[in-house]
C-alpha atoms as a PDB file:
ATOM      1  CA  MET A   1      -8.002  21.857  10.645  1.00  0.00           C
ATOM      2  CA  ARG A   2      -8.249  18.080  10.760  1.00  0.00           C
ATOM      3  CA  LYS A   3      -5.161  15.873  10.768  1.00  0.00           C
ATOM      4  CA  HIS A   4      -4.406  14.864   7.185  1.00  0.00           C
ATOM      5  CA  ILE A   5      -3.522  11.208   6.600  1.00  0.00           C
ATOM      6  CA  ILE A   6      -2.450  10.323   3.044  1.00  0.00           C
ATOM      7  CA  CYS A   7      -2.709   6.643   2.068  1.00  0.00           C
ATOM      8  CA  LEU A   8      -0.405   6.049  -0.896  1.00  0.00           C
ATOM      9  CA  GLY A   9      -0.805   2.611  -2.390  1.00  0.00           C
ATOM     10  CA  ASP A  10      -1.673   0.330  -5.265  1.00  0.00           C
ATOM     11  CA  SER A  11      -4.780  -1.688  -6.161  1.00  0.00           C
ATOM     12  CA  ASN A  12      -5.274  -2.731  -2.546  1.00  0.00           C
ATOM     13  CA  THR A  13      -5.684   0.927  -1.634  1.00  0.00           C
ATOM     14  CA  HIS A  14      -7.787   1.610  -4.727  1.00  0.00           C
ATOM     15  CA  GLY A  15      -9.951  -1.301  -3.619  1.00  0.00           C
ATOM     16  CA  TYR A  16      -9.741  -3.865  -6.422  1.00  0.00           C
ATOM     17  CA  CYS A  17     -12.037  -6.833  -5.777  1.00  0.00           C
ATOM     18  CA  ALA A  18     -10.931 -10.030  -7.502  1.00  0.00           C
ATOM     19  CA  ASP A  19     -13.817 -12.115  -6.160  1.00  0.00           C
ATOM     20  CA  PRO A  20     -17.217 -10.774  -7.307  1.00  0.00           C
ATOM     21  CA  ARG A  21     -18.905 -12.727  -4.502  1.00  0.00           C
ATOM     22  CA  ASP A  22     -17.038 -10.681  -1.917  1.00  0.00           C
ATOM     23  CA  CYS A  23     -18.057  -7.107  -2.789  1.00  0.00           C
ATOM     24  CA  ALA A  24     -21.275  -5.140  -3.048  1.00  0.00           C
ATOM     25  CA  ASP A  25     -20.645  -3.966  -6.628  1.00  0.00           C
ATOM     26  CA  PRO A  26     -19.253  -7.005  -8.491  1.00  0.00           C
ATOM     27  CA  ALA A  27     -19.739  -5.414 -11.907  1.00  0.00           C
ATOM     28  CA  LEU A  28     -17.272  -2.690 -10.923  1.00  0.00           C
ATOM     29  CA  ALA A  29     -14.657  -5.129  -9.575  1.00  0.00           C
ATOM     30  CA  ARG A  30     -14.015  -2.629  -6.794  1.00  0.00           C
ATOM     31  CA  PHE A  31     -14.935  -2.481  -3.135  1.00  0.00           C
ATOM     32  CA  ASN A  32     -17.145   0.536  -2.520  1.00  0.00           C
ATOM     33  CA  GLU A  33     -16.794   3.345   0.003  1.00  0.00           C
ATOM     34  CA  GLU A  34     -18.430   1.244   2.705  1.00  0.00           C
ATOM     35  CA  GLU A  35     -15.909  -1.560   2.217  1.00  0.00           C
ATOM     36  CA  ARG A  36     -12.465  -0.106   1.430  1.00  0.00           C
ATOM     37  CA  TRP A  37      -9.964   0.087   4.264  1.00  0.00           C
ATOM     38  CA  THR A  38      -9.332   3.789   3.717  1.00  0.00           C
ATOM     39  CA  SER A  39     -13.022   4.672   4.057  1.00  0.00           C
ATOM     40  CA  LEU A  40     -13.380   2.372   7.050  1.00  0.00           C
ATOM     41  CA  LEU A  41     -10.312   3.940   8.641  1.00  0.00           C
ATOM     42  CA  GLN A  42     -11.913   7.366   8.260  1.00  0.00           C
ATOM     43  CA  LYS A  43     -14.997   6.141  10.116  1.00  0.00           C
ATOM     44  CA  GLU A  44     -12.923   4.523  12.841  1.00  0.00           C
ATOM     45  CA  LEU A  45     -10.783   7.607  13.447  1.00  0.00           C
ATOM     46  CA  GLY A  46     -13.631  10.115  13.329  1.00  0.00           C
ATOM     47  CA  GLU A  47     -14.027  13.759  12.387  1.00  0.00           C
ATOM     48  CA  ASP A  48     -10.708  14.939  13.805  1.00  0.00           C
ATOM     49  CA  TYR A  49      -8.959  13.200  10.902  1.00  0.00           C
ATOM     50  CA  LEU A  50      -9.115  13.409   7.114  1.00  0.00           C
ATOM     51  CA  VAL A  51      -8.065  10.158   5.419  1.00  0.00           C
ATOM     52  CA  THR A  52      -7.194  10.632   1.749  1.00  0.00           C
ATOM     53  CA  GLU A  53      -7.108   7.629  -0.567  1.00  0.00           C
ATOM     54  CA  GLU A  54      -4.305   7.702  -3.155  1.00  0.00           C
ATOM     55  CA  GLY A  55      -4.508   4.227  -4.687  1.00  0.00           C
ATOM     56  CA  LEU A  56      -3.451   3.290  -8.219  1.00  0.00           C
ATOM     57  CA  SER A  57      -3.550  -0.251  -9.591  1.00  0.00           C
ATOM     58  CA  GLY A  58      -0.097  -1.418 -10.623  1.00  0.00           C
ATOM     59  CA  ARG A  59       1.749   1.276  -8.677  1.00  0.00           C
ATOM     60  CA  THR A  60       5.353   0.592  -7.625  1.00  0.00           C
ATOM     61  CA  THR A  61       7.690   2.449  -5.313  1.00  0.00           C
ATOM     62  CA  VAL A  62      10.210   3.795  -7.839  1.00  0.00           C
ATOM     63  CA  PHE A  63      10.336   1.272 -10.691  1.00  0.00           C
ATOM     64  CA  GLU A  64       9.020   2.436 -14.055  1.00  0.00           C
ATOM     65  CA  ASP A  65       6.954  -0.212 -15.802  1.00  0.00           C
ATOM     66  CA  PRO A  66       7.960  -0.579 -19.465  1.00  0.00           C
ATOM     67  CA  LEU A  67       4.377  -1.434 -20.429  1.00  0.00           C
ATOM     68  CA  TYR A  68       2.400   1.269 -18.614  1.00  0.00           C
ATOM     69  CA  GLU A  69       3.405   4.844 -17.912  1.00  0.00           C
ATOM     70  CA  GLY A  70       3.035   6.726 -14.654  1.00  0.00           C
ATOM     71  CA  LEU A  71       2.953   3.783 -12.258  1.00  0.00           C
ATOM     72  CA  ASP A  72       5.935   4.641 -10.066  1.00  0.00           C
ATOM     73  CA  ALA A  73       5.110   6.578  -6.912  1.00  0.00           C
ATOM     74  CA  LEU A  74       8.380   8.497  -7.016  1.00  0.00           C
ATOM     75  CA  HIS A  75       7.346  10.864  -9.809  1.00  0.00           C
ATOM     76  CA  TYR A  76       3.863  11.381  -8.355  1.00  0.00           C
ATOM     77  CA  LEU A  77       4.982  12.027  -4.796  1.00  0.00           C
ATOM     78  CA  PHE A  78       5.646  15.766  -4.948  1.00  0.00           C
ATOM     79  CA  PRO A  79       2.280  16.864  -6.409  1.00  0.00           C
ATOM     80  CA  CYS A  80       0.492  14.322  -4.240  1.00  0.00           C
ATOM     81  CA  LEU A  81       1.889  15.572  -0.948  1.00  0.00           C
ATOM     82  CA  LYS A  82       1.832  19.248  -1.868  1.00  0.00           C
ATOM     83  CA  SER A  83      -1.822  19.079  -2.914  1.00  0.00           C
ATOM     84  CA  HIS A  84      -2.788  17.684   0.486  1.00  0.00           C
ATOM     85  CA  GLU A  85      -0.527  19.738   2.747  1.00  0.00           C
ATOM     86  CA  PRO A  86      -0.194  20.066   5.653  1.00  0.00           C
ATOM     87  CA  VAL A  87       0.338  16.316   5.910  1.00  0.00           C
ATOM     88  CA  SER A  88       0.156  14.785   9.378  1.00  0.00           C
ATOM     89  CA  LEU A  89       0.969  11.210   8.335  1.00  0.00           C
ATOM     90  CA  LEU A  90       1.900   9.513   5.067  1.00  0.00           C
ATOM     91  CA  VAL A  91       0.996   5.809   4.941  1.00  0.00           C
ATOM     92  CA  ILE A  92       2.841   3.932   2.182  1.00  0.00           C
ATOM     93  CA  MET A  93       1.543   0.458   1.335  1.00  0.00           C
ATOM     94  CA  LEU A  94       3.511  -0.541  -1.760  1.00  0.00           C
ATOM     95  CA  GLY A  95       5.816  -3.346  -2.816  1.00  0.00           C
ATOM     96  CA  THR A  96       3.610  -6.049  -4.320  1.00  0.00           C
ATOM     97  CA  ASN A  97       3.961  -4.735  -7.875  1.00  0.00           C
ATOM     98  CA  ASP A  98       7.687  -4.227  -7.398  1.00  0.00           C
ATOM     99  CA  THR A  99       8.006  -8.023  -7.321  1.00  0.00           C
ATOM    100  CA  LYS A 100       6.853  -8.458 -10.943  1.00  0.00           C
ATOM    101  CA  GLU A 101       9.414 -10.476 -12.880  1.00  0.00           C
ATOM    102  CA  ARG A 102       9.583  -8.005 -15.770  1.00  0.00           C
ATOM    103  CA  LEU A 103      10.861  -5.288 -13.428  1.00  0.00           C
ATOM    104  CA  GLY A 104      13.853  -7.408 -12.435  1.00  0.00           C
ATOM    105  CA  ALA A 105      14.089  -6.218  -8.820  1.00  0.00           C
ATOM    106  CA  ASN A 106      15.118  -8.538  -5.998  1.00  0.00           C
ATOM    107  CA  PRO A 107      13.983  -7.906  -2.376  1.00  0.00           C
ATOM    108  CA  TYR A 108      17.103  -5.882  -1.607  1.00  0.00           C
ATOM    109  CA  ALA A 109      16.501  -3.615  -4.602  1.00  0.00           C
ATOM    110  CA  ILE A 110      12.854  -3.215  -3.601  1.00  0.00           C
ATOM    111  CA  ARG A 111      13.993  -2.093  -0.143  1.00  0.00           C
ATOM    112  CA  LEU A 112      16.275   0.454  -1.785  1.00  0.00           C
ATOM    113  CA  GLY A 113      13.295   1.618  -3.836  1.00  0.00           C
ATOM    114  CA  MET A 114      11.240   2.162  -0.687  1.00  0.00           C
ATOM    115  CA  HIS A 115      14.250   3.876   0.870  1.00  0.00           C
ATOM    116  CA  ARG A 116      14.510   6.300  -2.045  1.00  0.00           C
ATOM    117  CA  LEU A 117      10.758   7.012  -2.021  1.00  0.00           C
ATOM    118  CA  VAL A 118      10.710   7.756   1.692  1.00  0.00           C
ATOM    119  CA  ARG A 119      13.793   9.961   1.473  1.00  0.00           C
ATOM    120  CA  LYS A 120      12.062  12.041  -1.178  1.00  0.00           C
ATOM    121  CA  ALA A 121       8.911  12.307   0.940  1.00  0.00           C
ATOM    122  CA  GLN A 122      10.950  13.437   3.928  1.00  0.00           C
ATOM    123  CA  ALA A 123      12.522  16.202   1.838  1.00  0.00           C
ATOM    124  CA  ILE A 124       9.235  17.666   0.584  1.00  0.00           C
ATOM    125  CA  ASP A 125       8.014  20.790   2.369  1.00  0.00           C
ATOM    126  CA  CYS A 126       4.498  19.545   3.097  1.00  0.00           C
ATOM    127  CA  TRP A 127       4.508  18.535   6.731  1.00  0.00           C
ATOM    128  CA  GLY A 128       2.391  19.942   9.538  1.00  0.00           C
ATOM    129  CA  PRO A 129       3.433  22.048  12.556  1.00  0.00           C
ATOM    130  CA  GLY A 130       7.161  21.813  13.114  1.00  0.00           C
ATOM    131  CA  GLY A 131       7.734  20.463   9.619  1.00  0.00           C
ATOM    132  CA  LYS A 132       8.816  17.037  10.852  1.00  0.00           C
ATOM    133  CA  PRO A 133       8.156  14.197   8.370  1.00  0.00           C
ATOM    134  CA  ASN A 134       5.867  11.485   9.693  1.00  0.00           C
ATOM    135  CA  ILE A 135       5.730   8.299   7.605  1.00  0.00           C
ATOM    136  CA  LEU A 136       4.362   4.804   8.145  1.00  0.00           C
ATOM    137  CA  ILE A 137       5.711   2.019   5.941  1.00  0.00           C
ATOM    138  CA  LEU A 138       2.919  -0.544   5.820  1.00  0.00           C
ATOM    139  CA  CYS A 139       4.159  -3.787   4.298  1.00  0.00           C
ATOM    140  CA  PRO A 140       1.488  -5.575   2.236  1.00  0.00           C
ATOM    141  CA  PRO A 141       0.792  -9.257   2.934  1.00  0.00           C
ATOM    142  CA  PRO A 142       2.917 -11.643   0.844  1.00  0.00           C
ATOM    143  CA  ILE A 143       1.483 -13.106  -2.341  1.00  0.00           C
ATOM    144  CA  GLY A 144      -0.035 -16.493  -1.592  1.00  0.00           C
ATOM    145  CA  GLU A 145       1.495 -19.809  -2.642  1.00  0.00           C
ATOM    146  CA  GLY A 146      -1.786 -20.501  -4.424  1.00  0.00           C
ATOM    147  CA  LEU A 147      -0.536 -18.359  -7.297  1.00  0.00           C
ATOM    148  CA  ARG A 148       1.471 -21.401  -8.419  1.00  0.00           C
ATOM    149  CA  THR A 149      -1.716 -23.271  -9.316  1.00  0.00           C
ATOM    150  CA  CYS A 150      -3.929 -20.266 -10.040  1.00  0.00           C
ATOM    151  CA  PRO A 151      -6.112 -20.908 -13.127  1.00  0.00           C
ATOM    152  CA  LEU A 152      -6.049 -17.204 -14.028  1.00  0.00           C
ATOM    153  CA  TYR A 153      -3.310 -17.373 -16.654  1.00  0.00           C
ATOM    154  CA  GLU A 154      -3.073 -13.602 -17.102  1.00  0.00           C
ATOM    155  CA  ILE A 155      -2.459 -13.062 -13.379  1.00  0.00           C
ATOM    156  CA  VAL A 156       0.327 -15.628 -13.237  1.00  0.00           C
ATOM    157  CA  GLU A 157       1.964 -14.180 -16.344  1.00  0.00           C
ATOM    158  CA  GLU A 158       1.582 -10.608 -15.090  1.00  0.00           C
ATOM    159  CA  MET A 159       3.429 -11.285 -11.857  1.00  0.00           C
ATOM    160  CA  GLY A 160       5.639 -14.319 -12.503  1.00  0.00           C
ATOM    161  CA  LEU A 161       6.078 -17.057  -9.913  1.00  0.00           C
ATOM    162  CA  SER A 162       9.251 -15.533  -8.478  1.00  0.00           C
ATOM    163  CA  SER A 163       7.039 -12.745  -7.118  1.00  0.00           C
ATOM    164  CA  ILE A 164       5.885 -15.126  -4.383  1.00  0.00           C
ATOM    165  CA  SER A 165       9.258 -15.553  -2.691  1.00  0.00           C
ATOM    166  CA  LYS A 166      10.188 -11.919  -3.253  1.00  0.00           C
ATOM    167  CA  SER A 167       7.007 -10.711  -1.598  1.00  0.00           C
ATOM    168  CA  GLN A 168       7.650 -13.000   1.362  1.00  0.00           C
ATOM    169  CA  ALA A 169      10.921 -11.171   2.008  1.00  0.00           C
ATOM    170  CA  LEU A 170       9.459  -7.665   1.987  1.00  0.00           C
ATOM    171  CA  ALA A 171       8.427  -7.455   5.647  1.00  0.00           C
ATOM    172  CA  GLN A 172      12.000  -7.994   6.796  1.00  0.00           C
ATOM    173  CA  GLU A 173      13.403  -5.630   4.162  1.00  0.00           C
ATOM    174  CA  PHE A 174      10.886  -2.848   4.846  1.00  0.00           C
ATOM    175  CA  SER A 175      11.299  -3.202   8.608  1.00  0.00           C
ATOM    176  CA  LEU A 176      15.016  -2.602   8.137  1.00  0.00           C
ATOM    177  CA  ALA A 177      14.322   0.389   5.871  1.00  0.00           C
ATOM    178  CA  ALA A 178      11.995   1.884   8.473  1.00  0.00           C
ATOM    179  CA  ARG A 179      14.660   1.622  11.163  1.00  0.00           C
ATOM    180  CA  GLU A 180      17.233   3.211   8.883  1.00  0.00           C
ATOM    181  CA  LEU A 181      14.879   6.059   7.952  1.00  0.00           C
ATOM    182  CA  GLY A 182      13.286   6.722  11.332  1.00  0.00           C
ATOM    183  CA  CYS A 183       9.805   5.732  10.124  1.00  0.00           C
ATOM    184  CA  HIS A 184       6.970   3.818  11.673  1.00  0.00           C
ATOM    185  CA  PHE A 185       6.556   0.255  10.441  1.00  0.00           C
ATOM    186  CA  LEU A 186       3.674  -2.219  10.447  1.00  0.00           C
ATOM    187  CA  ASP A 187       3.217  -5.539   8.683  1.00  0.00           C
ATOM    188  CA  ALA A 188      -0.323  -5.832   7.279  1.00  0.00           C
ATOM    189  CA  LYS A 189      -0.144  -9.620   7.471  1.00  0.00           C
ATOM    190  CA  THR A 190       0.170  -9.510  11.244  1.00  0.00           C
ATOM    191  CA  LEU A 191      -2.768  -7.090  11.401  1.00  0.00           C
ATOM    192  CA  GLY A 192      -5.162  -9.640   9.905  1.00  0.00           C
ATOM    193  CA  ALA A 193      -5.172  -8.195   6.376  1.00  0.00           C
ATOM    194  CA  GLU A 194      -5.853 -11.379   4.422  1.00  0.00           C
ATOM    195  CA  PHE A 195      -5.599 -11.924   0.666  1.00  0.00           C
ATOM    196  CA  ASN A 196      -8.299 -13.732  -1.312  1.00  0.00           C
ATOM    197  CA  GLN A 197      -8.091 -17.273  -2.669  1.00  0.00           C
ATOM    198  CA  VAL A 198      -8.752 -16.194  -6.264  1.00  0.00           C
ATOM    199  CA  ASP A 199      -5.612 -14.305  -7.283  1.00  0.00           C
ATOM    200  CA  PHE A 200      -3.840 -14.525  -3.904  1.00  0.00           C
ATOM    201  CA  MET A 201      -2.701 -10.881  -3.918  1.00  0.00           C
ATOM    202  CA  HIS A 202      -5.735  -8.713  -3.225  1.00  0.00           C
ATOM    203  CA  LEU A 203      -7.466  -8.043   0.054  1.00  0.00           C
ATOM    204  CA  THR A 204     -10.790  -9.623   0.911  1.00  0.00           C
ATOM    205  CA  LYS A 205     -13.636  -7.592   2.373  1.00  0.00           C
ATOM    206  CA  LYS A 206     -12.708  -9.057   5.746  1.00  0.00           C
ATOM    207  CA  GLY A 207      -9.095  -8.083   5.128  1.00  0.00           C
ATOM    208  CA  HIS A 208     -10.092  -4.468   4.454  1.00  0.00           C
ATOM    209  CA  GLN A 209     -12.061  -4.382   7.696  1.00  0.00           C
ATOM    210  CA  ALA A 210      -9.274  -5.903   9.771  1.00  0.00           C
ATOM    211  CA  LEU A 211      -6.682  -3.541   8.348  1.00  0.00           C
ATOM    212  CA  ALA A 212      -8.808  -0.470   9.048  1.00  0.00           C
ATOM    213  CA  GLN A 213      -9.524  -1.516  12.614  1.00  0.00           C
ATOM    214  CA  ALA A 214      -5.882  -2.283  13.355  1.00  0.00           C
ATOM    215  CA  LEU A 215      -4.630   0.982  11.853  1.00  0.00           C
ATOM    216  CA  ALA A 216      -7.217   2.944  13.812  1.00  0.00           C
ATOM    217  CA  GLU A 217      -5.640   1.540  16.968  1.00  0.00           C
ATOM    218  CA  HIS A 218      -2.065   2.310  15.950  1.00  0.00           C
ATOM    219  CA  ILE A 219      -2.280   5.642  14.095  1.00  0.00           C
ATOM    220  CA  PRO A 220      -3.353   8.006  16.917  1.00  0.00           C
ATOM    221  CA  SER A 221      -0.135   7.210  18.792  1.00  0.00           C
ATOM    222  CA  MET A 222       1.864   8.165  15.687  1.00  0.00           C
ATOM    223  CA  LEU A 223       0.513  11.704  15.571  1.00  0.00           C
END
């Protein structure tokens, strides 16, 4: 059996494309299977691995959105991991949506949310030989300062400007959580995963490629 890698994330794992000039299928507003970082990671790692994409736009770690149901990863985690067992590695790239002003969570609370999510994952009986949990917290790049002058009114209102500073604090908070929980940690910003200059919070095609290549270098040593 191949090594199962589950990529649990939000719109950047689902592959949302905010710039129609940057993707092959602009009418779909989504990077296709030849462009998304999860698909590219599968190609980079090869046939000994099975990379499963679990991306949902708007997903948070544990915070329930009062406007849309089912967006917190906490309540989806058990069926997700059990349906893909045995899991060799769980990659969690969440946190951007946690910074939305309407959710009222500061960086410390978002770290606690990641902490709670990881603790639940560690307790689920889904892991491979030996049953030892194996989790990578992958911090998303911070929301760009360009959001302050972004002409897309609905994007600015959806997130709120305080999301910028909160997202900038996540790498430090998630790094601390990873140390506390005994998890792997990587910061996508340092791996070359760039955000676009349209909404300043979604990966470019180049960013997807860079992230896949960097993870393909790091992940084998985690298994």
